[in-house]
Amino acid sequence: MERQELIRSAFEIQKRAYAPYSHFQVGAALLCEDGEIFQGCNIENASYGATNCAERTAFFKAVSEGKRKFKAIVIVGKHKDSQVFEYCAPCGICRQVMAEFCDPRTFEIILPRSEEDYQVYKLEELLPLSFTGENLE
């Protein structure tokens, strides 16, 4: 199943997170319209503003490879010392990046605690009244 593969991919990449300051490790798996998956993890920096979230890492990798159409993203996160994953919603900046590239009515944001326990949202639910390129026309 496509969703299960995407969830496994996010759990896999979460282990590579570089989070020496917050110790909160996040992984993301982004599904392109053509079925290709791009992974991303959070990459922290001592200068906090230079930190990049897992979701944006996945999007930036995909966009830099020429992808522009996306179906879904899975986001997983937990403290490095915890065995328990909680639902890990994207921050506001990541939601704004999603709004740049995704149809808010169809793009799915999947938040798992495990492969069997997850919540699914549409982008428009998590970012109503978003600011997009249409606002600049």
C-alpha atoms as a PDB file:
ATOM      1  CA  MET A   1       0.000   0.000   0.000  1.00  0.00           C
ATOM      2  CA  GLU A   2       1.291   3.439  -0.950  1.00  0.00           C
ATOM      3  CA  ARG A   3       0.434   5.054   2.403  1.00  0.00           C
ATOM      4  CA  GLN A   4       2.173   2.319   4.434  1.00  0.00           C
ATOM      5  CA  GLU A   5       5.326   2.618   2.318  1.00  0.00           C
ATOM      6  CA  LEU A   6       5.322   6.372   2.850  1.00  0.00           C
ATOM      7  CA  ILE A   7       4.900   5.969   6.607  1.00  0.00           C
ATOM      8  CA  ARG A   8       7.779   3.461   6.789  1.00  0.00           C
ATOM      9  CA  SER A   9       9.948   5.845   4.781  1.00  0.00           C
ATOM     10  CA  ALA A  10       9.361   8.689   7.282  1.00  0.00           C
ATOM     11  CA  PHE A  11      10.192   6.468  10.266  1.00  0.00           C
ATOM     12  CA  GLU A  12      13.361   5.338   8.482  1.00  0.00           C
ATOM     13  CA  ILE A  13      14.700   8.839   7.762  1.00  0.00           C
ATOM     14  CA  GLN A  14      13.761  10.168  11.216  1.00  0.00           C
ATOM     15  CA  LYS A  15      16.712   8.198  12.613  1.00  0.00           C
ATOM     16  CA  ARG A  16      19.105  10.403  10.588  1.00  0.00           C
ATOM     17  CA  ALA A  17      17.918  13.676  12.092  1.00  0.00           C
ATOM     18  CA  TYR A  18      20.610  16.056  13.301  1.00  0.00           C
ATOM     19  CA  ALA A  19      19.095  17.486  16.483  1.00  0.00           C
ATOM     20  CA  PRO A  20      21.879  18.115  19.040  1.00  0.00           C
ATOM     21  CA  TYR A  21      20.032  21.053  20.653  1.00  0.00           C
ATOM     22  CA  SER A  22      16.357  20.120  20.905  1.00  0.00           C
ATOM     23  CA  HIS A  23      16.954  16.352  20.754  1.00  0.00           C
ATOM     24  CA  PHE A  24      13.604  16.222  18.919  1.00  0.00           C
ATOM     25  CA  GLN A  25      14.147  14.111  15.823  1.00  0.00           C
ATOM     26  CA  VAL A  26      11.763  14.530  12.901  1.00  0.00           C
ATOM     27  CA  GLY A  27      11.458  12.616   9.650  1.00  0.00           C
ATOM     28  CA  ALA A  28       9.323  13.336   6.602  1.00  0.00           C
ATOM     29  CA  ALA A  29       8.478  11.405   3.459  1.00  0.00           C
ATOM     30  CA  LEU A  30       7.014  13.397   0.577  1.00  0.00           C
ATOM     31  CA  LEU A  31       5.026  11.644  -2.142  1.00  0.00           C
ATOM     32  CA  CYS A  32       5.218  13.181  -5.610  1.00  0.00           C
ATOM     33  CA  GLU A  33       2.345  12.897  -8.047  1.00  0.00           C
ATOM     34  CA  ASP A  34       4.437  10.479 -10.140  1.00  0.00           C
ATOM     35  CA  GLY A  35       4.935   8.134  -7.151  1.00  0.00           C
ATOM     36  CA  GLU A  36       8.514   9.109  -6.299  1.00  0.00           C
ATOM     37  CA  ILE A  37       9.260   9.624  -2.601  1.00  0.00           C
ATOM     38  CA  PHE A  38      11.660  12.211  -1.197  1.00  0.00           C
ATOM     39  CA  GLN A  39      12.801  11.925   2.406  1.00  0.00           C
ATOM     40  CA  GLY A  40      13.886  14.684   4.756  1.00  0.00           C
ATOM     41  CA  CYS A  41      14.980  15.022   8.366  1.00  0.00           C
ATOM     42  CA  ASN A  42      15.403  18.049  10.581  1.00  0.00           C
ATOM     43  CA  ILE A  43      18.856  19.603  10.576  1.00  0.00           C
ATOM     44  CA  GLU A  44      19.523  21.895  13.512  1.00  0.00           C
ATOM     45  CA  ASN A  45      22.130  24.620  13.826  1.00  0.00           C
ATOM     46  CA  ALA A  46      23.623  26.477  16.791  1.00  0.00           C
ATOM     47  CA  SER A  47      22.238  29.591  15.108  1.00  0.00           C
ATOM     48  CA  TYR A  48      18.613  28.473  15.459  1.00  0.00           C
ATOM     49  CA  GLY A  49      17.407  30.478  12.461  1.00  0.00           C
ATOM     50  CA  ALA A  50      19.594  28.313  10.223  1.00  0.00           C
ATOM     51  CA  THR A  51      17.755  25.163  11.322  1.00  0.00           C
ATOM     52  CA  ASN A  52      15.715  23.379   8.648  1.00  0.00           C
ATOM     53  CA  CYS A  53      12.655  21.249   9.343  1.00  0.00           C
ATOM     54  CA  ALA A  54      12.269  17.731   7.962  1.00  0.00           C
ATOM     55  CA  GLU A  55       9.306  18.710   5.810  1.00  0.00           C
ATOM     56  CA  ARG A  56      11.146  21.561   4.116  1.00  0.00           C
ATOM     57  CA  THR A  57      14.198  19.366   3.625  1.00  0.00           C
ATOM     58  CA  ALA A  58      12.029  16.873   1.720  1.00  0.00           C
ATOM     59  CA  PHE A  59      10.324  19.600  -0.321  1.00  0.00           C
ATOM     60  CA  PHE A  60      13.580  21.353  -1.188  1.00  0.00           C
ATOM     61  CA  LYS A  61      15.179  18.088  -2.278  1.00  0.00           C
ATOM     62  CA  ALA A  62      12.192  17.290  -4.499  1.00  0.00           C
ATOM     63  CA  VAL A  63      11.929  20.772  -6.000  1.00  0.00           C
ATOM     64  CA  SER A  64      15.675  20.857  -6.678  1.00  0.00           C
ATOM     65  CA  GLU A  65      15.190  17.636  -8.677  1.00  0.00           C
ATOM     66  CA  GLY A  66      12.470  19.246 -10.807  1.00  0.00           C
ATOM     67  CA  LYS A  67       9.371  17.978  -8.980  1.00  0.00           C
ATOM     68  CA  ARG A  68       6.466  20.385  -8.625  1.00  0.00           C
ATOM     69  CA  LYS A  69       3.373  18.226  -7.984  1.00  0.00           C
ATOM     70  CA  PHE A  70       2.790  16.435  -4.704  1.00  0.00           C
ATOM     71  CA  LYS A  71       0.121  14.163  -3.230  1.00  0.00           C
ATOM     72  CA  ALA A  72       1.012  13.671   0.439  1.00  0.00           C
ATOM     73  CA  ILE A  73       3.590  13.993   3.180  1.00  0.00           C
ATOM     74  CA  VAL A  74       4.146  11.890   6.291  1.00  0.00           C
ATOM     75  CA  ILE A  75       5.724  13.561   9.327  1.00  0.00           C
ATOM     76  CA  VAL A  76       7.004  11.655  12.371  1.00  0.00           C
ATOM     77  CA  GLY A  77       8.808  12.966  15.422  1.00  0.00           C
ATOM     78  CA  LYS A  78       9.908  12.179  18.944  1.00  0.00           C
ATOM     79  CA  HIS A  79      12.526  13.055  21.530  1.00  0.00           C
ATOM     80  CA  LYS A  80      15.643  10.944  20.976  1.00  0.00           C
ATOM     81  CA  ASP A  81      15.346   9.295  24.407  1.00  0.00           C
ATOM     82  CA  SER A  82      11.671   8.419  24.049  1.00  0.00           C
ATOM     83  CA  GLN A  83      10.267   5.211  22.666  1.00  0.00           C
ATOM     84  CA  VAL A  84       6.908   6.873  22.005  1.00  0.00           C
ATOM     85  CA  PHE A  85       6.054   8.842  18.881  1.00  0.00           C
ATOM     86  CA  GLU A  86       3.404  11.550  19.182  1.00  0.00           C
ATOM     87  CA  TYR A  87       1.404  13.140  16.384  1.00  0.00           C
ATOM     88  CA  CYS A  88       3.851  15.682  14.946  1.00  0.00           C
ATOM     89  CA  ALA A  89       2.118  18.468  13.026  1.00  0.00           C
ATOM     90  CA  PRO A  90       4.097  20.757  10.705  1.00  0.00           C
ATOM     91  CA  CYS A  91       5.126  24.231  11.846  1.00  0.00           C
ATOM     92  CA  GLY A  92       3.717  27.343  10.208  1.00  0.00           C
ATOM     93  CA  ILE A  93       6.682  27.884   7.899  1.00  0.00           C
ATOM     94  CA  CYS A  94       6.424  24.313   6.604  1.00  0.00           C
ATOM     95  CA  ARG A  95       2.686  24.750   6.049  1.00  0.00           C
ATOM     96  CA  GLN A  96       3.444  27.859   4.009  1.00  0.00           C
ATOM     97  CA  VAL A  97       5.949  25.926   1.857  1.00  0.00           C
ATOM     98  CA  MET A  98       3.291  23.262   1.304  1.00  0.00           C
ATOM     99  CA  ALA A  99       0.846  25.980   0.225  1.00  0.00           C
ATOM    100  CA  GLU A 100       3.331  27.101  -2.424  1.00  0.00           C
ATOM    101  CA  PHE A 101       3.392  23.717  -4.153  1.00  0.00           C
ATOM    102  CA  CYS A 102       0.269  21.766  -3.153  1.00  0.00           C
ATOM    103  CA  ASP A 103      -3.456  21.844  -3.797  1.00  0.00           C
ATOM    104  CA  PRO A 104      -4.866  22.588  -0.323  1.00  0.00           C
ATOM    105  CA  ARG A 105      -8.044  20.590  -1.043  1.00  0.00           C
ATOM    106  CA  THR A 106      -6.291  17.348  -1.997  1.00  0.00           C
ATOM    107  CA  PHE A 107      -2.797  17.349  -0.456  1.00  0.00           C
ATOM    108  CA  GLU A 108      -2.695  14.989   2.538  1.00  0.00           C
ATOM    109  CA  ILE A 109      -0.649  15.490   5.689  1.00  0.00           C
ATOM    110  CA  ILE A 110      -0.297  12.178   7.505  1.00  0.00           C
ATOM    111  CA  LEU A 111       0.777  12.212  11.154  1.00  0.00           C
ATOM    112  CA  PRO A 112       1.582   8.728  12.490  1.00  0.00           C
ATOM    113  CA  ARG A 113       2.412   7.498  15.950  1.00  0.00           C
ATOM    114  CA  SER A 114       2.978   4.055  14.409  1.00  0.00           C
ATOM    115  CA  GLU A 115       2.322   2.321  11.094  1.00  0.00           C
ATOM    116  CA  GLU A 116      -1.209   1.521  12.273  1.00  0.00           C
ATOM    117  CA  ASP A 117      -2.051   4.634  14.304  1.00  0.00           C
ATOM    118  CA  TYR A 118      -2.131   7.847  12.273  1.00  0.00           C
ATOM    119  CA  GLN A 119      -4.210  10.934  11.544  1.00  0.00           C
ATOM    120  CA  VAL A 120      -4.786  12.364   8.064  1.00  0.00           C
ATOM    121  CA  TYR A 121      -5.516  16.009   7.280  1.00  0.00           C
ATOM    122  CA  LYS A 122      -5.906  18.045   4.119  1.00  0.00           C
ATOM    123  CA  LEU A 123      -3.639  21.077   3.892  1.00  0.00           C
ATOM    124  CA  GLU A 124      -6.655  23.417   3.884  1.00  0.00           C
ATOM    125  CA  GLU A 125      -7.584  22.078   7.346  1.00  0.00           C
ATOM    126  CA  LEU A 126      -4.178  22.982   8.772  1.00  0.00           C
ATOM    127  CA  LEU A 127      -3.703  26.251   6.893  1.00  0.00           C
ATOM    128  CA  PRO A 128      -7.043  27.944   6.192  1.00  0.00           C
ATOM    129  CA  LEU A 129      -6.976  31.263   4.356  1.00  0.00           C
ATOM    130  CA  SER A 130      -3.412  30.666   3.216  1.00  0.00           C
ATOM    131  CA  PHE A 131      -1.328  33.281   1.406  1.00  0.00           C
ATOM    132  CA  THR A 132      -0.355  32.059  -2.066  1.00  0.00           C
ATOM    133  CA  GLY A 133       0.855  33.377  -5.398  1.00  0.00           C
ATOM    134  CA  GLU A 134      -2.760  34.131  -6.300  1.00  0.00           C
ATOM    135  CA  ASN A 135      -2.708  36.878  -3.655  1.00  0.00           C
ATOM    136  CA  LEU A 136       0.045  38.601  -5.629  1.00  0.00           C
ATOM    137  CA  GLU A 137      -1.816  38.731  -8.940  1.00  0.00           C
END
